[in-house]
Amino acid sequence: MRKKKEGKAPREGKGPGGRFTEYTPLSMSREKILAEISVAELKDVGVKAPKAPPQEKKGVDKTK
């Protein structure tokens, strides 16, 4: 167990890691962006859908 050092002020927390402190505002509303994404043909550009979770095996005793 560490002891607190006496006479030192508590350290201030650092900001978020990374180089960017600002971001560029979006040119259109989030709703329009999400609507466009929902109708996009993602398979055409090589984006794959996430895999389905594995199904439970029948006959496996889970009570143990």
N, C-alpha and C. Protein backbone atom coordinates (compact mmCIF):
# COMPACT_ATOMS: atom_id res chain seq x y z
N MET A 1 0.84 -1.18 0.00
CA MET A 1 0.00 0.00 0.00
C MET A 1 0.89 1.23 0.00
N ARG A 2 0.60 2.18 -0.86
CA ARG A 2 1.41 3.38 -0.95
C ARG A 2 0.94 4.41 0.06
N LYS A 3 1.88 5.14 0.58
CA LYS A 3 1.56 6.23 1.47
C LYS A 3 1.48 7.52 0.67
N LYS A 4 0.60 8.40 1.08
CA LYS A 4 0.51 9.70 0.41
C LYS A 4 1.71 10.55 0.81
N LYS A 5 2.29 11.19 -0.16
CA LYS A 5 3.41 12.07 0.12
C LYS A 5 2.88 13.39 0.66
N GLU A 6 3.44 13.82 1.72
CA GLU A 6 2.98 15.06 2.34
C GLU A 6 3.67 16.25 1.69
N GLY A 7 2.97 17.37 1.63
CA GLY A 7 3.57 18.58 1.12
C GLY A 7 3.43 18.77 -0.38
N LYS A 8 2.95 17.77 -1.11
CA LYS A 8 2.78 17.90 -2.56
C LYS A 8 1.31 18.12 -2.88
N ALA A 9 1.08 18.98 -3.83
CA ALA A 9 -0.29 19.22 -4.28
C ALA A 9 -0.73 18.07 -5.18
N PRO A 10 -2.02 17.76 -5.18
CA PRO A 10 -2.48 16.68 -6.07
C PRO A 10 -2.26 17.06 -7.53
N ARG A 11 -1.92 16.08 -8.35
CA ARG A 11 -1.66 16.34 -9.77
C ARG A 11 -2.96 16.55 -10.52
N GLU A 12 -2.90 17.42 -11.49
CA GLU A 12 -4.04 17.64 -12.36
C GLU A 12 -4.09 16.52 -13.40
N GLY A 13 -5.29 16.06 -13.74
CA GLY A 13 -5.42 15.03 -14.75
C GLY A 13 -5.13 15.58 -16.13
N LYS A 14 -4.55 14.77 -16.96
CA LYS A 14 -4.26 15.19 -18.33
C LYS A 14 -5.54 15.09 -19.14
N GLY A 15 -5.57 15.81 -20.22
CA GLY A 15 -6.70 15.77 -21.13
C GLY A 15 -6.70 14.47 -21.91
N PRO A 16 -7.62 14.33 -22.85
CA PRO A 16 -7.66 13.10 -23.64
C PRO A 16 -6.38 12.94 -24.46
N GLY A 17 -5.94 11.70 -24.58
CA GLY A 17 -4.74 11.42 -25.35
C GLY A 17 -4.95 11.69 -26.82
N GLY A 18 -3.91 12.00 -27.51
CA GLY A 18 -4.03 12.25 -28.94
C GLY A 18 -3.59 13.65 -29.30
N ARG A 19 -3.54 13.91 -30.58
CA ARG A 19 -3.03 15.18 -31.06
C ARG A 19 -4.12 16.21 -31.28
N PHE A 20 -5.36 15.77 -31.38
CA PHE A 20 -6.41 16.65 -31.83
C PHE A 20 -7.19 17.23 -30.66
N THR A 21 -7.25 18.55 -30.58
CA THR A 21 -8.00 19.20 -29.52
C THR A 21 -9.29 19.81 -30.05
N GLU A 22 -9.43 19.90 -31.36
CA GLU A 22 -10.63 20.43 -31.99
C GLU A 22 -11.03 19.52 -33.14
N TYR A 23 -12.25 19.68 -33.61
CA TYR A 23 -12.68 18.92 -34.77
C TYR A 23 -13.43 19.84 -35.72
N THR A 24 -13.52 19.45 -36.97
CA THR A 24 -14.23 20.22 -37.98
C THR A 24 -15.72 19.90 -37.86
N PRO A 25 -16.57 20.90 -37.80
CA PRO A 25 -18.01 20.64 -37.72
C PRO A 25 -18.50 19.90 -38.97
N LEU A 26 -19.56 19.13 -38.81
CA LEU A 26 -20.13 18.39 -39.93
C LEU A 26 -20.81 19.36 -40.89
N SER A 27 -20.81 19.02 -42.18
CA SER A 27 -21.41 19.89 -43.18
C SER A 27 -22.91 19.63 -43.36
N MET A 28 -23.40 18.52 -42.79
CA MET A 28 -24.83 18.23 -42.83
C MET A 28 -25.23 17.62 -41.50
N SER A 29 -26.51 17.48 -41.26
CA SER A 29 -26.98 16.98 -39.97
C SER A 29 -26.64 15.49 -39.80
N ARG A 30 -26.52 15.09 -38.57
CA ARG A 30 -26.24 13.67 -38.28
C ARG A 30 -27.34 12.77 -38.81
N GLU A 31 -28.58 13.24 -38.75
CA GLU A 31 -29.70 12.44 -39.24
C GLU A 31 -29.54 12.12 -40.73
N LYS A 32 -29.13 13.12 -41.52
CA LYS A 32 -28.93 12.90 -42.96
C LYS A 32 -27.78 11.94 -43.21
N ILE A 33 -26.72 12.07 -42.44
CA ILE A 33 -25.57 11.17 -42.60
C ILE A 33 -25.96 9.75 -42.27
N LEU A 34 -26.67 9.55 -41.16
CA LEU A 34 -27.08 8.20 -40.77
C LEU A 34 -28.08 7.61 -41.76
N ALA A 35 -28.97 8.44 -42.32
CA ALA A 35 -29.91 7.95 -43.33
C ALA A 35 -29.17 7.51 -44.58
N GLU A 36 -28.14 8.25 -44.98
CA GLU A 36 -27.36 7.89 -46.16
C GLU A 36 -26.59 6.59 -45.94
N ILE A 37 -26.06 6.44 -44.75
CA ILE A 37 -25.31 5.22 -44.42
C ILE A 37 -26.23 4.01 -44.44
N SER A 38 -27.46 4.17 -43.96
CA SER A 38 -28.37 3.03 -43.87
C SER A 38 -28.76 2.48 -45.23
N VAL A 39 -28.74 3.32 -46.27
CA VAL A 39 -29.13 2.84 -47.61
C VAL A 39 -27.92 2.56 -48.50
N ALA A 40 -26.73 2.77 -47.99
CA ALA A 40 -25.52 2.58 -48.80
C ALA A 40 -25.30 1.10 -49.10
N GLU A 41 -24.77 0.84 -50.25
CA GLU A 41 -24.43 -0.52 -50.65
C GLU A 41 -23.03 -0.83 -50.13
N LEU A 42 -22.94 -1.28 -48.90
CA LEU A 42 -21.64 -1.49 -48.27
C LEU A 42 -20.88 -2.68 -48.86
N LYS A 43 -21.61 -3.65 -49.37
CA LYS A 43 -20.93 -4.81 -49.96
C LYS A 43 -20.17 -4.42 -51.22
N ASP A 44 -20.64 -3.42 -51.93
CA ASP A 44 -19.98 -2.98 -53.15
C ASP A 44 -18.61 -2.38 -52.89
N VAL A 45 -18.42 -1.81 -51.70
CA VAL A 45 -17.14 -1.18 -51.38
C VAL A 45 -16.27 -2.07 -50.50
N GLY A 46 -16.70 -3.30 -50.25
CA GLY A 46 -15.87 -4.25 -49.52
C GLY A 46 -16.07 -4.28 -48.02
N VAL A 47 -17.13 -3.65 -47.50
CA VAL A 47 -17.38 -3.68 -46.06
C VAL A 47 -18.23 -4.91 -45.77
N LYS A 48 -17.77 -5.73 -44.83
CA LYS A 48 -18.49 -6.95 -44.47
C LYS A 48 -19.33 -6.72 -43.22
N ALA A 49 -20.45 -7.38 -43.14
CA ALA A 49 -21.31 -7.32 -41.96
C ALA A 49 -20.64 -8.10 -40.84
N PRO A 50 -20.89 -7.73 -39.59
CA PRO A 50 -20.30 -8.48 -38.48
C PRO A 50 -20.84 -9.90 -38.43
N LYS A 51 -20.01 -10.80 -37.93
CA LYS A 51 -20.43 -12.19 -37.82
C LYS A 51 -21.47 -12.35 -36.72
N ALA A 52 -22.38 -13.28 -36.93
CA ALA A 52 -23.40 -13.57 -35.92
C ALA A 52 -22.73 -14.31 -34.75
N PRO A 53 -23.24 -14.11 -33.54
CA PRO A 53 -22.66 -14.81 -32.40
C PRO A 53 -22.88 -16.32 -32.55
N PRO A 54 -21.98 -17.12 -32.01
CA PRO A 54 -22.13 -18.58 -32.13
C PRO A 54 -23.41 -19.06 -31.44
N GLN A 55 -24.05 -20.01 -32.06
CA GLN A 55 -25.27 -20.57 -31.51
C GLN A 55 -24.94 -21.57 -30.40
N GLU A 56 -25.88 -21.69 -29.46
CA GLU A 56 -25.67 -22.66 -28.37
C GLU A 56 -25.77 -24.07 -28.94
N LYS A 57 -24.90 -24.94 -28.46
CA LYS A 57 -24.90 -26.32 -28.91
C LYS A 57 -26.00 -27.07 -28.17
N LYS A 58 -26.77 -27.85 -28.93
CA LYS A 58 -27.83 -28.65 -28.31
C LYS A 58 -27.23 -29.84 -27.61
N GLY A 59 -27.82 -30.18 -26.49
CA GLY A 59 -27.37 -31.35 -25.75
C GLY A 59 -26.24 -31.04 -24.77
N VAL A 60 -25.86 -29.78 -24.62
CA VAL A 60 -24.79 -29.43 -23.70
C VAL A 60 -25.41 -29.08 -22.36
N ASP A 61 -24.92 -29.72 -21.31
CA ASP A 61 -25.43 -29.49 -19.97
C ASP A 61 -24.77 -28.26 -19.37
N LYS A 62 -25.54 -27.20 -19.18
CA LYS A 62 -24.98 -25.96 -18.65
C LYS A 62 -25.21 -25.81 -17.15
N THR A 63 -25.71 -26.84 -16.51
CA THR A 63 -26.00 -26.74 -15.09
C THR A 63 -24.76 -26.98 -14.23
N LYS A 64 -23.69 -27.38 -14.84
CA LYS A 64 -22.47 -27.65 -14.08
C LYS A 64 -21.60 -26.44 -13.99
